Amino acid sequence: MPVEVAGIPLAHLTSIVTSERARLARHPVPGMSGDLVQTLGRPSVEVQLRGMFYGPSAPDDLRRFREAYLAVTPVDFVVQAVDDSDPTQTLAFSQVLIRELEVVQRADQPDEFDFTCRLLEYVEPPAPAPADLFGALDEDLLGEAAGFVDDAQNALAQVSQLADLLANVPGFGDPTQRLPSLLDSFTSVASGGAGALAGVRDLFGPEG
């Protein structure tokens, strides 16, 4: 079964194990038989490969594979299914992260390396949201804000005009300076009124 990881053919595989799960949240409900289960998607698929690097190119192939593992970056994962019994034929992803690598070398076989690696399905992260602070604001709200600013500017202009008018009003002087003359006029009028009242009293005679 031809398998390639990071462009490296893995021709001597002895086993392939895939692990798929569903992410579920279980909520116990009093009086209910069983739990209320909420589906929350699924974790990434995990693939475990066991095999060996064999032959004169084994040291170089192992070096390249270890470099791909240490880089901790997504690598291509290519599987060509041979028949329906292949457990990887239904995998719907083409990039993985090498999350773990184990290597065993025998002293009497310098060109043979047994390995076990675990691959994790790589999912492209979503694009970042645009950093437009006003993109989500409603256009009507922006229009109302602009109208409010215009009204405030018009009010300030009218206040400025009123201040100019008040500054140009001629002064009337101190009104308290005319109070003595007004009191003199009132005294003369009041004294004349008292004489007229005395004449009326004499006309009707003294009080009985």
N, C-alpha and C. Protein backbone atom coordinates (compact mmCIF):
# COMPACT_ATOMS: atom_id res chain seq x y z
N MET A 1 0.86 -1.19 0.00
CA MET A 1 0.00 0.00 0.00
C MET A 1 0.90 1.24 0.00
N PRO A 2 0.95 2.01 -1.08
CA PRO A 2 1.80 3.19 -1.16
C PRO A 2 1.31 4.30 -0.23
N VAL A 3 2.21 4.75 0.63
CA VAL A 3 1.91 5.85 1.54
C VAL A 3 3.10 6.81 1.52
N GLU A 4 2.81 8.11 1.45
CA GLU A 4 3.86 9.12 1.50
C GLU A 4 3.52 10.14 2.58
N VAL A 5 4.53 10.49 3.36
CA VAL A 5 4.40 11.54 4.38
C VAL A 5 5.54 12.52 4.17
N ALA A 6 5.20 13.79 3.97
CA ALA A 6 6.20 14.84 3.72
C ALA A 6 7.04 14.52 2.49
N GLY A 7 6.44 13.88 1.50
CA GLY A 7 7.14 13.53 0.27
C GLY A 7 8.06 12.35 0.40
N ILE A 8 8.04 11.63 1.54
CA ILE A 8 8.92 10.49 1.78
C ILE A 8 8.09 9.21 1.64
N PRO A 9 8.42 8.34 0.70
CA PRO A 9 7.66 7.09 0.56
C PRO A 9 7.92 6.17 1.76
N LEU A 10 6.84 5.63 2.32
CA LEU A 10 6.94 4.65 3.41
C LEU A 10 6.55 3.30 2.84
N ALA A 11 7.54 2.65 2.26
CA ALA A 11 7.25 1.43 1.50
C ALA A 11 7.17 0.20 2.36
N HIS A 12 7.70 0.24 3.57
CA HIS A 12 7.74 -0.97 4.40
C HIS A 12 6.92 -0.75 5.67
N LEU A 13 5.63 -0.57 5.50
CA LEU A 13 4.72 -0.42 6.64
C LEU A 13 4.21 -1.79 7.08
N THR A 14 4.12 -1.97 8.37
CA THR A 14 3.60 -3.23 8.91
C THR A 14 2.20 -3.08 9.49
N SER A 15 1.79 -1.85 9.85
CA SER A 15 0.43 -1.65 10.38
C SER A 15 0.03 -0.18 10.24
N ILE A 16 -1.26 0.02 10.06
CA ILE A 16 -1.85 1.36 10.02
C ILE A 16 -3.08 1.33 10.91
N VAL A 17 -3.14 2.23 11.88
CA VAL A 17 -4.27 2.30 12.80
C VAL A 17 -4.82 3.72 12.75
N THR A 18 -6.11 3.85 12.48
CA THR A 18 -6.76 5.16 12.49
C THR A 18 -7.68 5.26 13.70
N SER A 19 -7.72 6.45 14.26
CA SER A 19 -8.55 6.69 15.45
C SER A 19 -9.45 7.89 15.16
N GLU A 20 -10.76 7.63 15.18
CA GLU A 20 -11.75 8.69 14.94
C GLU A 20 -12.75 8.69 16.09
N ARG A 21 -13.09 9.88 16.54
CA ARG A 21 -14.03 10.01 17.65
C ARG A 21 -15.02 11.14 17.35
N ALA A 22 -16.08 11.15 18.11
CA ALA A 22 -17.05 12.25 18.07
C ALA A 22 -16.94 13.03 19.37
N ARG A 23 -17.03 14.35 19.27
CA ARG A 23 -17.00 15.20 20.48
C ARG A 23 -18.44 15.42 20.93
N LEU A 24 -18.77 14.87 22.10
CA LEU A 24 -20.14 14.92 22.61
C LEU A 24 -20.16 15.52 24.01
N ALA A 25 -21.23 16.24 24.31
CA ALA A 25 -21.45 16.75 25.66
C ALA A 25 -22.70 16.08 26.21
N ARG A 26 -22.55 15.42 27.36
CA ARG A 26 -23.65 14.69 27.99
C ARG A 26 -24.21 15.50 29.14
N HIS A 27 -25.54 15.69 29.12
CA HIS A 27 -26.22 16.48 30.15
C HIS A 27 -27.26 15.59 30.85
N PRO A 28 -27.04 15.24 32.11
CA PRO A 28 -28.05 14.43 32.82
C PRO A 28 -29.30 15.24 33.11
N VAL A 29 -30.46 14.65 32.86
CA VAL A 29 -31.75 15.31 33.08
C VAL A 29 -32.50 14.51 34.15
N PRO A 30 -32.90 15.15 35.25
CA PRO A 30 -33.63 14.42 36.30
C PRO A 30 -34.91 13.78 35.76
N GLY A 31 -35.12 12.52 36.10
CA GLY A 31 -36.31 11.81 35.70
C GLY A 31 -36.29 11.26 34.29
N MET A 32 -35.19 11.49 33.56
CA MET A 32 -35.10 11.03 32.17
C MET A 32 -34.20 9.81 32.10
N SER A 33 -34.62 8.82 31.33
CA SER A 33 -33.80 7.63 31.12
C SER A 33 -32.74 7.94 30.06
N GLY A 34 -31.49 7.91 30.47
CA GLY A 34 -30.41 8.29 29.56
C GLY A 34 -30.06 9.77 29.71
N ASP A 35 -29.09 10.20 28.94
CA ASP A 35 -28.62 11.59 29.00
C ASP A 35 -29.06 12.35 27.76
N LEU A 36 -29.13 13.67 27.92
CA LEU A 36 -29.32 14.54 26.77
C LEU A 36 -27.94 14.79 26.17
N VAL A 37 -27.74 14.39 24.91
CA VAL A 37 -26.42 14.43 24.27
C VAL A 37 -26.41 15.55 23.23
N GLN A 38 -25.38 16.38 23.32
CA GLN A 38 -25.21 17.49 22.37
C GLN A 38 -23.95 17.22 21.55
N THR A 39 -24.08 17.28 20.23
CA THR A 39 -22.93 17.04 19.35
C THR A 39 -22.13 18.33 19.20
N LEU A 40 -20.81 18.22 19.33
CA LEU A 40 -19.90 19.38 19.26
C LEU A 40 -18.83 19.15 18.19
N GLY A 41 -19.20 18.56 17.07
CA GLY A 41 -18.22 18.30 16.03
C GLY A 41 -17.38 17.07 16.36
N ARG A 42 -16.12 17.09 15.92
CA ARG A 42 -15.23 15.95 16.15
C ARG A 42 -13.80 16.44 16.28
N PRO A 43 -12.96 15.71 17.02
CA PRO A 43 -11.54 16.03 17.03
C PRO A 43 -10.89 15.62 15.71
N SER A 44 -9.65 16.03 15.53
CA SER A 44 -8.90 15.62 14.33
C SER A 44 -8.65 14.11 14.37
N VAL A 45 -8.65 13.52 13.19
CA VAL A 45 -8.38 12.08 13.06
C VAL A 45 -6.89 11.83 13.36
N GLU A 46 -6.61 10.76 14.07
CA GLU A 46 -5.25 10.35 14.37
C GLU A 46 -4.91 9.07 13.59
N VAL A 47 -3.70 9.03 13.06
CA VAL A 47 -3.25 7.87 12.30
C VAL A 47 -1.92 7.41 12.89
N GLN A 48 -1.82 6.14 13.20
CA GLN A 48 -0.58 5.56 13.71
C GLN A 48 0.02 4.64 12.65
N LEU A 49 1.28 4.87 12.30
CA LEU A 49 1.97 4.07 11.29
C LEU A 49 3.13 3.33 11.95
N ARG A 50 3.25 2.05 11.64
CA ARG A 50 4.40 1.23 12.08
C ARG A 50 5.06 0.64 10.83
N GLY A 51 6.38 0.69 10.82
CA GLY A 51 7.10 0.14 9.68
C GLY A 51 8.59 0.24 9.87
N MET A 52 9.31 0.28 8.75
CA MET A 52 10.77 0.36 8.86
C MET A 52 11.33 1.10 7.64
N PHE A 53 12.46 1.72 7.87
CA PHE A 53 13.27 2.24 6.78
C PHE A 53 14.35 1.18 6.53
N TYR A 54 14.45 0.76 5.28
CA TYR A 54 15.33 -0.39 4.99
C TYR A 54 16.13 -0.09 3.74
N GLY A 55 17.38 -0.52 3.75
CA GLY A 55 18.23 -0.42 2.58
C GLY A 55 19.24 0.71 2.67
N PRO A 56 20.04 0.92 1.61
CA PRO A 56 21.09 1.94 1.62
C PRO A 56 20.57 3.36 1.84
N SER A 57 19.32 3.66 1.41
CA SER A 57 18.77 5.02 1.58
C SER A 57 18.07 5.21 2.92
N ALA A 58 18.07 4.18 3.78
CA ALA A 58 17.34 4.26 5.05
C ALA A 58 17.84 5.40 5.94
N PRO A 59 19.17 5.59 6.15
CA PRO A 59 19.60 6.70 7.02
C PRO A 59 19.16 8.06 6.50
N ASP A 60 19.23 8.26 5.19
CA ASP A 60 18.82 9.55 4.62
C ASP A 60 17.31 9.76 4.72
N ASP A 61 16.53 8.69 4.46
CA ASP A 61 15.07 8.79 4.58
C ASP A 61 14.66 9.09 6.02
N LEU A 62 15.33 8.45 6.98
CA LEU A 62 15.01 8.70 8.39
C LEU A 62 15.37 10.13 8.79
N ARG A 63 16.50 10.63 8.27
CA ARG A 63 16.90 12.01 8.58
C ARG A 63 15.85 13.00 8.07
N ARG A 64 15.40 12.82 6.85
CA ARG A 64 14.39 13.72 6.27
C ARG A 64 13.07 13.62 7.05
N PHE A 65 12.72 12.41 7.45
CA PHE A 65 11.47 12.24 8.21
C PHE A 65 11.58 12.92 9.57
N ARG A 66 12.73 12.82 10.22
CA ARG A 66 12.90 13.46 11.52
C ARG A 66 12.88 14.99 11.37
N GLU A 67 13.45 15.51 10.31
CA GLU A 67 13.40 16.96 10.07
C GLU A 67 11.96 17.44 9.89
N ALA A 68 11.14 16.68 9.19
CA ALA A 68 9.73 17.05 9.03
C ALA A 68 9.00 17.02 10.37
N TYR A 69 9.37 16.06 11.21
CA TYR A 69 8.76 15.97 12.54
C TYR A 69 9.16 17.15 13.42
N LEU A 70 10.45 17.50 13.41
CA LEU A 70 10.94 18.59 14.26
C LEU A 70 10.44 19.96 13.80
N ALA A 71 10.11 20.10 12.53
CA ALA A 71 9.63 21.39 12.02
C ALA A 71 8.26 21.74 12.57
N VAL A 72 7.46 20.75 12.97
CA VAL A 72 6.10 20.96 13.52
C VAL A 72 5.29 21.86 12.59
N THR A 73 5.31 21.53 11.31
CA THR A 73 4.52 22.23 10.31
C THR A 73 3.71 21.21 9.52
N PRO A 74 2.60 21.61 8.91
CA PRO A 74 1.80 20.67 8.13
C PRO A 74 2.60 20.08 6.97
N VAL A 75 2.44 18.79 6.76
CA VAL A 75 3.11 18.09 5.65
C VAL A 75 2.06 17.31 4.87
N ASP A 76 2.38 17.01 3.63
CA ASP A 76 1.45 16.27 2.78
C ASP A 76 1.35 14.82 3.22
N PHE A 77 0.12 14.30 3.13
CA PHE A 77 -0.16 12.91 3.49
C PHE A 77 -0.90 12.29 2.31
N VAL A 78 -0.21 11.38 1.61
CA VAL A 78 -0.76 10.78 0.38
C VAL A 78 -0.92 9.28 0.60
N VAL A 79 -2.13 8.81 0.38
CA VAL A 79 -2.43 7.38 0.53
C VAL A 79 -3.13 6.92 -0.75
N GLN A 80 -2.66 5.86 -1.32
CA GLN A 80 -3.30 5.25 -2.48
C GLN A 80 -3.88 3.90 -2.05
N ALA A 81 -5.19 3.88 -1.90
CA ALA A 81 -5.85 2.66 -1.43
C ALA A 81 -5.74 1.56 -2.48
N VAL A 82 -5.52 0.37 -1.99
CA VAL A 82 -5.40 -0.79 -2.88
C VAL A 82 -6.74 -1.50 -3.03
N ASP A 83 -7.47 -1.70 -1.90
CA ASP A 83 -8.76 -2.38 -1.95
C ASP A 83 -9.63 -1.82 -0.83
N ASP A 84 -10.83 -2.38 -0.70
CA ASP A 84 -11.79 -1.89 0.27
C ASP A 84 -11.36 -2.15 1.71
N SER A 85 -10.40 -3.03 1.93
CA SER A 85 -9.96 -3.34 3.29
C SER A 85 -8.97 -2.31 3.84
N ASP A 86 -8.56 -1.37 3.03
CA ASP A 86 -7.60 -0.36 3.46
C ASP A 86 -8.29 0.60 4.44
N PRO A 87 -7.81 0.73 5.69
CA PRO A 87 -8.48 1.59 6.67
C PRO A 87 -8.31 3.08 6.40
N THR A 88 -7.45 3.43 5.47
CA THR A 88 -7.21 4.85 5.20
C THR A 88 -7.94 5.36 3.96
N GLN A 89 -8.71 4.52 3.29
CA GLN A 89 -9.31 4.93 2.03
C GLN A 89 -10.42 5.98 2.22
N THR A 90 -10.98 6.05 3.41
CA THR A 90 -12.07 7.01 3.64
C THR A 90 -11.58 8.32 4.29
N LEU A 91 -10.28 8.47 4.51
CA LEU A 91 -9.77 9.69 5.12
C LEU A 91 -9.90 10.85 4.14
N ALA A 92 -10.50 11.93 4.60
CA ALA A 92 -10.81 13.05 3.71
C ALA A 92 -9.91 14.25 4.00
N PHE A 93 -8.62 14.03 4.23
CA PHE A 93 -7.68 15.14 4.44
C PHE A 93 -6.37 14.79 3.78
N SER A 94 -5.60 15.79 3.46
CA SER A 94 -4.35 15.58 2.72
C SER A 94 -3.15 16.17 3.42
N GLN A 95 -3.33 16.78 4.59
CA GLN A 95 -2.21 17.31 5.34
C GLN A 95 -2.30 16.87 6.80
N VAL A 96 -1.13 16.62 7.39
CA VAL A 96 -1.07 16.14 8.76
C VAL A 96 0.08 16.83 9.48
N LEU A 97 0.05 16.70 10.81
CA LEU A 97 1.17 17.07 11.66
C LEU A 97 1.74 15.79 12.26
N ILE A 98 3.06 15.66 12.24
CA ILE A 98 3.70 14.50 12.87
C ILE A 98 3.85 14.81 14.35
N ARG A 99 3.01 14.23 15.17
CA ARG A 99 2.98 14.59 16.59
C ARG A 99 3.90 13.73 17.45
N GLU A 100 4.33 12.56 16.92
CA GLU A 100 5.19 11.68 17.73
C GLU A 100 5.97 10.76 16.79
N LEU A 101 7.22 10.51 17.17
CA LEU A 101 8.07 9.63 16.36
C LEU A 101 8.96 8.80 17.30
N GLU A 102 8.93 7.47 17.11
CA GLU A 102 9.80 6.55 17.85
C GLU A 102 10.60 5.72 16.86
N VAL A 103 11.90 5.58 17.10
CA VAL A 103 12.79 4.87 16.19
C VAL A 103 13.59 3.84 16.99
N VAL A 104 13.71 2.65 16.43
CA VAL A 104 14.50 1.57 17.04
C VAL A 104 15.49 1.07 15.99
N GLN A 105 16.77 1.01 16.38
CA GLN A 105 17.81 0.50 15.49
C GLN A 105 18.52 -0.68 16.15
N ARG A 106 18.75 -1.73 15.39
CA ARG A 106 19.45 -2.91 15.88
C ARG A 106 20.94 -2.79 15.56
N ALA A 107 21.76 -3.23 16.49
CA ALA A 107 23.21 -3.08 16.32
C ALA A 107 23.74 -3.89 15.15
N ASP A 108 23.13 -5.03 14.86
CA ASP A 108 23.64 -5.88 13.79
C ASP A 108 23.02 -5.57 12.44
N GLN A 109 22.14 -4.56 12.38
CA GLN A 109 21.50 -4.20 11.11
C GLN A 109 21.57 -2.67 10.96
N PRO A 110 22.69 -2.12 10.54
CA PRO A 110 22.87 -0.67 10.48
C PRO A 110 21.98 0.03 9.47
N ASP A 111 21.49 -0.68 8.48
CA ASP A 111 20.65 -0.06 7.45
C ASP A 111 19.17 -0.39 7.63
N GLU A 112 18.76 -0.67 8.86
CA GLU A 112 17.35 -1.00 9.13
C GLU A 112 16.91 -0.27 10.39
N PHE A 113 15.82 0.50 10.27
CA PHE A 113 15.30 1.31 11.39
C PHE A 113 13.80 1.03 11.53
N ASP A 114 13.42 0.47 12.64
CA ASP A 114 11.99 0.33 12.93
C ASP A 114 11.47 1.66 13.49
N PHE A 115 10.27 2.03 13.07
CA PHE A 115 9.71 3.31 13.54
C PHE A 115 8.22 3.17 13.80
N THR A 116 7.77 4.04 14.71
CA THR A 116 6.34 4.23 14.96
C THR A 116 6.09 5.73 14.98
N CYS A 117 5.16 6.19 14.20
CA CYS A 117 4.82 7.62 14.18
C CYS A 117 3.32 7.79 14.28
N ARG A 118 2.94 8.88 14.88
CA ARG A 118 1.53 9.23 15.03
C ARG A 118 1.27 10.54 14.31
N LEU A 119 0.29 10.52 13.43
CA LEU A 119 -0.05 11.67 12.62
C LEU A 119 -1.39 12.25 13.09
N LEU A 120 -1.51 13.55 13.01
CA LEU A 120 -2.75 14.23 13.41
C LEU A 120 -3.26 15.05 12.24
N GLU A 121 -4.54 14.85 11.92
CA GLU A 121 -5.16 15.60 10.83
C GLU A 121 -4.98 17.10 11.05
N TYR A 122 -4.55 17.81 10.01
CA TYR A 122 -4.36 19.26 10.08
C TYR A 122 -5.57 19.96 9.49
N VAL A 123 -6.11 20.92 10.24
CA VAL A 123 -7.26 21.71 9.80
C VAL A 123 -6.80 23.15 9.65
N GLU A 124 -7.04 23.73 8.48
CA GLU A 124 -6.65 25.11 8.22
C GLU A 124 -7.43 26.05 9.15
N PRO A 125 -6.74 26.94 9.88
CA PRO A 125 -7.46 27.86 10.78
C PRO A 125 -8.26 28.87 9.97
N PRO A 126 -9.35 29.37 10.54
CA PRO A 126 -10.17 30.36 9.82
C PRO A 126 -9.41 31.67 9.65
N ALA A 127 -9.79 32.41 8.63
CA ALA A 127 -9.16 33.70 8.37
C ALA A 127 -9.50 34.68 9.49
N PRO A 128 -8.57 35.54 9.87
CA PRO A 128 -8.86 36.52 10.94
C PRO A 128 -9.93 37.51 10.51
N ALA A 129 -10.71 37.95 11.48
CA ALA A 129 -11.76 38.93 11.20
C ALA A 129 -11.14 40.26 10.80
N PRO A 130 -11.77 41.02 9.88
CA PRO A 130 -11.21 42.32 9.48
C PRO A 130 -11.21 43.28 10.66
N ALA A 131 -10.15 44.10 10.72
CA ALA A 131 -9.99 45.03 11.84
C ALA A 131 -10.65 46.37 11.54
N ASP A 132 -11.87 46.34 10.99
CA ASP A 132 -12.64 47.55 10.70
C ASP A 132 -13.55 47.83 11.89
N LEU A 133 -13.20 48.87 12.67
CA LEU A 133 -13.96 49.14 13.88
C LEU A 133 -15.38 49.60 13.58
N PHE A 134 -15.62 50.22 12.43
CA PHE A 134 -16.94 50.76 12.11
C PHE A 134 -17.67 49.91 11.09
N GLY A 135 -17.08 48.76 10.71
CA GLY A 135 -17.71 47.95 9.69
C GLY A 135 -19.02 47.35 10.14
N ALA A 136 -19.14 47.05 11.43
CA ALA A 136 -20.35 46.40 11.94
C ALA A 136 -21.43 47.39 12.36
N LEU A 137 -21.13 48.68 12.35
CA LEU A 137 -22.13 49.67 12.77
C LEU A 137 -23.17 49.85 11.67
N ASP A 138 -24.38 50.06 12.08
CA ASP A 138 -25.46 50.27 11.14
C ASP A 138 -25.32 51.64 10.49
N GLU A 139 -25.60 51.71 9.18
CA GLU A 139 -25.45 52.97 8.47
C GLU A 139 -26.41 54.03 9.01
N ASP A 140 -27.61 53.62 9.42
CA ASP A 140 -28.56 54.59 9.98
C ASP A 140 -28.02 55.20 11.26
N LEU A 141 -27.36 54.40 12.08
CA LEU A 141 -26.79 54.92 13.31
C LEU A 141 -25.70 55.94 13.02
N LEU A 142 -24.88 55.66 12.01
CA LEU A 142 -23.85 56.63 11.62
C LEU A 142 -24.48 57.92 11.10
N GLY A 143 -25.60 57.79 10.36
CA GLY A 143 -26.27 58.99 9.88
C GLY A 143 -26.84 59.83 11.01
N GLU A 144 -27.42 59.17 12.02
CA GLU A 144 -27.94 59.90 13.16
C GLU A 144 -26.82 60.60 13.93
N ALA A 145 -25.69 59.94 14.05
CA ALA A 145 -24.56 60.56 14.75
C ALA A 145 -24.07 61.79 13.99
N ALA A 146 -24.01 61.69 12.65
CA ALA A 146 -23.58 62.84 11.87
C ALA A 146 -24.56 64.00 12.01
N GLY A 147 -25.89 63.69 12.01
CA GLY A 147 -26.88 64.74 12.20
C GLY A 147 -26.77 65.40 13.56
N PHE A 148 -26.50 64.61 14.59
CA PHE A 148 -26.33 65.18 15.94
C PHE A 148 -25.15 66.15 15.98
N VAL A 149 -24.07 65.79 15.32
CA VAL A 149 -22.90 66.66 15.29
C VAL A 149 -23.23 67.97 14.58
N ASP A 150 -23.98 67.89 13.46
CA ASP A 150 -24.37 69.11 12.75
C ASP A 150 -25.24 70.00 13.62
N ASP A 151 -26.22 69.42 14.35
CA ASP A 151 -27.07 70.22 15.23
C ASP A 151 -26.27 70.90 16.32
N ALA A 152 -25.31 70.18 16.88
CA ALA A 152 -24.49 70.78 17.93
C ALA A 152 -23.67 71.94 17.40
N GLN A 153 -23.13 71.80 16.18
CA GLN A 153 -22.36 72.89 15.60
C GLN A 153 -23.25 74.10 15.31
N ASN A 154 -24.49 73.86 14.84
CA ASN A 154 -25.41 74.97 14.60
C ASN A 154 -25.77 75.68 15.90
N ALA A 155 -25.98 74.93 16.99
CA ALA A 155 -26.29 75.54 18.28
C ALA A 155 -25.14 76.40 18.78
N LEU A 156 -23.92 75.93 18.61
CA LEU A 156 -22.76 76.71 19.03
C LEU A 156 -22.65 77.99 18.21
N ALA A 157 -22.97 77.92 16.92
CA ALA A 157 -22.93 79.12 16.09
C ALA A 157 -23.96 80.15 16.55
N GLN A 158 -25.18 79.70 16.92
CA GLN A 158 -26.21 80.62 17.40
C GLN A 158 -25.83 81.24 18.73
N VAL A 159 -25.22 80.47 19.62
CA VAL A 159 -24.77 81.03 20.89
C VAL A 159 -23.70 82.08 20.67
N SER A 160 -22.82 81.84 19.71
CA SER A 160 -21.78 82.81 19.41
C SER A 160 -22.37 84.11 18.88
N GLN A 161 -23.40 83.98 18.01
CA GLN A 161 -24.06 85.19 17.50
C GLN A 161 -24.75 85.96 18.62
N LEU A 162 -25.41 85.26 19.56
CA LEU A 162 -26.08 85.92 20.68
C LEU A 162 -25.08 86.65 21.57
N ALA A 163 -23.92 86.05 21.78
CA ALA A 163 -22.90 86.70 22.59
C ALA A 163 -22.41 87.98 21.92
N ASP A 164 -22.29 87.94 20.57
CA ASP A 164 -21.88 89.16 19.86
C ASP A 164 -22.91 90.26 20.00
N LEU A 165 -24.22 89.91 19.93
CA LEU A 165 -25.27 90.91 20.07
C LEU A 165 -25.26 91.55 21.46
N LEU A 166 -25.10 90.73 22.50
CA LEU A 166 -25.07 91.26 23.86
C LEU A 166 -23.87 92.17 24.09
N ALA A 167 -22.79 91.86 23.43
CA ALA A 167 -21.59 92.68 23.60
C ALA A 167 -21.75 94.05 22.97
N ASN A 168 -22.63 94.13 21.91
CA ASN A 168 -22.82 95.41 21.22
C ASN A 168 -23.99 96.23 21.76
N VAL A 169 -24.73 95.80 22.79
CA VAL A 169 -25.85 96.56 23.37
C VAL A 169 -25.29 97.76 24.14
N PRO A 170 -25.78 98.99 23.90
CA PRO A 170 -25.27 100.17 24.63
C PRO A 170 -25.64 100.10 26.10
N GLY A 171 -24.78 100.66 26.97
CA GLY A 171 -25.01 100.65 28.40
C GLY A 171 -26.05 101.67 28.84
N PHE A 172 -26.88 101.35 29.84
CA PHE A 172 -27.89 102.26 30.37
C PHE A 172 -27.41 102.98 31.62
N GLY A 173 -26.23 102.73 32.03
CA GLY A 173 -25.76 103.39 33.25
C GLY A 173 -26.26 102.70 34.49
N ASP A 174 -25.93 103.28 35.66
CA ASP A 174 -26.32 102.71 36.94
C ASP A 174 -27.72 103.18 37.30
N PRO A 175 -28.74 102.30 37.35
CA PRO A 175 -30.11 102.76 37.64
C PRO A 175 -30.27 103.28 39.07
N THR A 176 -29.42 102.92 39.98
CA THR A 176 -29.56 103.40 41.37
C THR A 176 -29.25 104.88 41.51
N GLN A 177 -28.53 105.48 40.50
CA GLN A 177 -28.22 106.90 40.60
C GLN A 177 -29.45 107.79 40.43
N ARG A 178 -30.56 107.29 39.82
CA ARG A 178 -31.78 108.09 39.60
C ARG A 178 -32.79 107.93 40.72
N LEU A 179 -32.51 107.07 41.71
CA LEU A 179 -33.49 106.87 42.77
C LEU A 179 -33.77 108.12 43.59
N PRO A 180 -32.77 108.94 43.95
CA PRO A 180 -33.08 110.16 44.74
C PRO A 180 -34.04 111.12 44.04
N SER A 181 -33.85 111.32 42.72
CA SER A 181 -34.75 112.22 41.99
C SER A 181 -36.15 111.65 41.93
N LEU A 182 -36.27 110.33 41.80
CA LEU A 182 -37.60 109.73 41.77
C LEU A 182 -38.30 109.90 43.12
N LEU A 183 -37.56 109.80 44.23
CA LEU A 183 -38.16 109.99 45.56
C LEU A 183 -38.63 111.42 45.76
N ASP A 184 -37.88 112.42 45.26
CA ASP A 184 -38.29 113.83 45.38
C ASP A 184 -39.60 114.07 44.64
N SER A 185 -39.70 113.50 43.43
CA SER A 185 -40.94 113.68 42.66
C SER A 185 -42.12 113.05 43.38
N PHE A 186 -41.93 111.87 43.98
CA PHE A 186 -43.01 111.21 44.69
C PHE A 186 -43.44 112.01 45.93
N THR A 187 -42.47 112.65 46.60
CA THR A 187 -42.79 113.44 47.80
C THR A 187 -43.66 114.63 47.45
N SER A 188 -43.31 115.30 46.34
CA SER A 188 -44.11 116.48 45.94
C SER A 188 -45.52 116.09 45.55
N VAL A 189 -45.65 114.99 44.84
CA VAL A 189 -46.99 114.54 44.42
C VAL A 189 -47.79 114.11 45.63
N ALA A 190 -47.15 113.39 46.56
CA ALA A 190 -47.87 112.93 47.75
C ALA A 190 -48.33 114.09 48.64
N SER A 191 -47.52 115.15 48.76
CA SER A 191 -47.92 116.30 49.58
C SER A 191 -49.12 117.02 48.98
N GLY A 192 -49.16 117.09 47.63
CA GLY A 192 -50.33 117.71 46.98
C GLY A 192 -51.57 116.87 47.18
N GLY A 193 -51.43 115.60 47.16
CA GLY A 193 -52.58 114.72 47.37
C GLY A 193 -53.10 114.83 48.79
N ALA A 194 -52.22 115.03 49.77
CA ALA A 194 -52.67 115.19 51.17
C ALA A 194 -53.50 116.45 51.35
N GLY A 195 -53.12 117.55 50.65
CA GLY A 195 -53.91 118.81 50.75
C GLY A 195 -55.30 118.64 50.18
N ALA A 196 -55.40 117.89 49.06
CA ALA A 196 -56.72 117.68 48.45
C ALA A 196 -57.60 116.87 49.36
N LEU A 197 -57.07 115.91 50.03
CA LEU A 197 -57.87 115.10 50.94
C LEU A 197 -58.35 115.94 52.14
N ALA A 198 -57.52 116.87 52.62
CA ALA A 198 -57.94 117.74 53.73
C ALA A 198 -59.11 118.61 53.33
N GLY A 199 -59.12 119.12 52.07
CA GLY A 199 -60.25 119.95 51.60
C GLY A 199 -61.53 119.14 51.55
N VAL A 200 -61.47 117.90 51.12
CA VAL A 200 -62.67 117.07 51.07
C VAL A 200 -63.21 116.83 52.48
N ARG A 201 -62.31 116.65 53.44
CA ARG A 201 -62.75 116.41 54.82
C ARG A 201 -63.47 117.63 55.38
N ASP A 202 -62.96 118.86 55.07
CA ASP A 202 -63.60 120.05 55.57
C ASP A 202 -64.95 120.25 54.93
N LEU A 203 -65.13 119.80 53.69
CA LEU A 203 -66.40 119.98 53.00
C LEU A 203 -67.51 119.22 53.68
N PHE A 204 -67.25 118.01 54.13
CA PHE A 204 -68.29 117.20 54.74
C PHE A 204 -68.39 117.42 56.24
N GLY A 205 -67.54 118.27 56.78
CA GLY A 205 -67.66 118.58 58.19
C GLY A 205 -66.88 117.59 59.03
N PRO A 206 -66.74 117.99 60.29
CA PRO A 206 -66.00 117.09 61.20
C PRO A 206 -66.75 115.81 61.46
N GLU A 207 -65.96 114.82 61.87
CA GLU A 207 -66.58 113.53 62.16
C GLU A 207 -67.42 113.60 63.42
N GLY A 208 -68.58 112.93 63.41
CA GLY A 208 -69.45 112.94 64.56
C GLY A 208 -69.09 111.89 65.56
